[in-house]
């Protein structure tokens, strides 16, 4: 094997923060989506 890949903490941190933001957005959108479904069922 060649050189061991050095862990770049700045890149690692940035990627982690981006992933957390994506998850947060997904959950927010999902909550809104469930609200619309409940509203739709009520108004049906």
N, C-alpha and C. Protein backbone atom coordinates (compact mmCIF):
# COMPACT_ATOMS: atom_id res chain seq x y z
N UNK A 1 0.83 -1.20 0.00
CA UNK A 1 0.00 0.00 0.00
C UNK A 1 0.87 1.25 0.00
N UNK A 2 0.31 2.30 -0.59
CA UNK A 2 1.02 3.58 -0.66
C UNK A 2 0.84 4.36 0.63
N UNK A 3 0.84 5.67 0.46
CA UNK A 3 0.66 6.54 1.62
C UNK A 3 -0.75 6.39 2.19
N UNK A 4 -0.84 6.54 3.49
CA UNK A 4 -2.14 6.52 4.14
C UNK A 4 -2.78 7.89 3.90
N UNK A 5 -4.04 7.89 3.53
CA UNK A 5 -4.72 9.16 3.26
C UNK A 5 -4.91 9.93 4.56
N UNK A 6 -4.40 11.16 4.57
CA UNK A 6 -4.52 12.00 5.75
C UNK A 6 -5.94 12.55 5.82
N UNK A 7 -6.53 12.51 7.00
CA UNK A 7 -7.89 13.00 7.18
C UNK A 7 -7.87 14.53 7.22
N UNK A 8 -8.62 15.13 6.31
CA UNK A 8 -8.69 16.59 6.26
C UNK A 8 -9.90 17.02 7.10
N UNK A 9 -9.63 17.55 8.28
CA UNK A 9 -10.71 17.87 9.21
C UNK A 9 -11.62 18.98 8.72
N UNK A 10 -11.05 19.97 7.99
CA UNK A 10 -11.89 21.05 7.47
C UNK A 10 -12.92 20.51 6.49
N UNK A 11 -12.48 19.66 5.57
CA UNK A 11 -13.38 19.07 4.58
C UNK A 11 -14.39 18.17 5.28
N UNK A 12 -13.90 17.37 6.22
CA UNK A 12 -14.76 16.45 6.96
C UNK A 12 -15.86 17.21 7.70
N UNK A 13 -15.48 18.31 8.37
CA UNK A 13 -16.43 19.13 9.12
C UNK A 13 -17.45 19.75 8.17
N UNK A 14 -16.98 20.28 7.06
CA UNK A 14 -17.87 20.92 6.08
C UNK A 14 -18.88 19.91 5.54
N UNK A 15 -18.42 18.71 5.21
CA UNK A 15 -19.31 17.67 4.70
C UNK A 15 -20.35 17.26 5.74
N UNK A 16 -19.93 17.18 6.98
CA UNK A 16 -20.84 16.80 8.06
C UNK A 16 -21.92 17.86 8.24
N UNK A 17 -21.52 19.13 8.23
CA UNK A 17 -22.48 20.23 8.38
C UNK A 17 -23.46 20.23 7.22
N UNK A 18 -22.97 20.02 6.00
CA UNK A 18 -23.85 19.97 4.83
C UNK A 18 -24.86 18.84 4.95
N UNK A 19 -24.41 17.68 5.41
CA UNK A 19 -25.30 16.53 5.57
C UNK A 19 -26.38 16.83 6.60
N UNK A 20 -25.99 17.44 7.71
CA UNK A 20 -26.96 17.77 8.75
C UNK A 20 -27.99 18.76 8.24
N UNK A 21 -27.54 19.75 7.45
CA UNK A 21 -28.47 20.73 6.87
C UNK A 21 -29.46 20.05 5.95
N UNK A 22 -28.98 19.11 5.13
CA UNK A 22 -29.87 18.39 4.22
C UNK A 22 -30.91 17.60 4.99
N UNK A 23 -30.49 16.93 6.05
CA UNK A 23 -31.42 16.15 6.87
C UNK A 23 -32.47 17.07 7.49
N UNK A 24 -32.01 18.21 7.99
CA UNK A 24 -32.92 19.17 8.62
C UNK A 24 -33.96 19.67 7.62
N UNK A 25 -33.53 20.01 6.42
CA UNK A 25 -34.45 20.46 5.38
C UNK A 25 -35.46 19.37 5.04
N UNK A 26 -34.98 18.15 4.92
CA UNK A 26 -35.86 17.03 4.60
C UNK A 26 -36.94 16.86 5.67
N UNK A 27 -36.52 16.92 6.93
CA UNK A 27 -37.48 16.74 8.03
C UNK A 27 -38.50 17.88 8.06
N UNK A 28 -38.04 19.11 7.80
CA UNK A 28 -38.95 20.24 7.76
C UNK A 28 -39.98 20.08 6.66
N UNK A 29 -39.52 19.70 5.50
CA UNK A 29 -40.42 19.49 4.36
C UNK A 29 -41.39 18.35 4.66
N UNK A 30 -40.90 17.32 5.32
CA UNK A 30 -41.73 16.17 5.64
C UNK A 30 -42.84 16.56 6.61
N UNK A 31 -42.53 17.41 7.59
CA UNK A 31 -43.54 17.88 8.54
C UNK A 31 -44.61 18.68 7.81
N UNK A 32 -44.19 19.55 6.91
CA UNK A 32 -45.15 20.33 6.13
C UNK A 32 -46.03 19.41 5.30
N UNK A 33 -45.42 18.41 4.72
CA UNK A 33 -46.14 17.45 3.89
C UNK A 33 -47.22 16.73 4.70
N UNK A 34 -46.88 16.32 5.92
CA UNK A 34 -47.85 15.63 6.76
C UNK A 34 -48.99 16.57 7.16
N UNK A 35 -48.68 17.86 7.37
CA UNK A 35 -49.73 18.83 7.68
C UNK A 35 -50.71 18.91 6.53
N UNK A 36 -50.20 18.97 5.31
CA UNK A 36 -51.07 19.06 4.14
C UNK A 36 -51.94 17.82 4.01
N UNK A 37 -51.39 16.67 4.31
CA UNK A 37 -52.17 15.42 4.23
C UNK A 37 -53.31 15.46 5.25
N UNK A 38 -53.01 15.89 6.47
CA UNK A 38 -54.05 15.98 7.51
C UNK A 38 -55.13 16.97 7.09
N UNK A 39 -54.73 18.11 6.55
CA UNK A 39 -55.67 19.12 6.09
C UNK A 39 -56.54 18.57 4.98
N UNK A 40 -55.93 17.84 4.08
CA UNK A 40 -56.65 17.25 2.95
C UNK A 40 -57.71 16.25 3.45
N UNK A 41 -57.34 15.45 4.43
CA UNK A 41 -58.27 14.47 4.98
C UNK A 41 -59.45 15.16 5.67
N UNK A 42 -59.17 16.27 6.34
CA UNK A 42 -60.23 17.01 7.03
C UNK A 42 -61.19 17.62 6.01
N UNK A 43 -60.64 18.22 4.96
CA UNK A 43 -61.46 18.94 3.97
C UNK A 43 -62.12 18.01 2.97
N UNK A 44 -61.72 16.78 2.93
CA UNK A 44 -62.24 15.81 1.95
C UNK A 44 -63.74 15.65 2.03
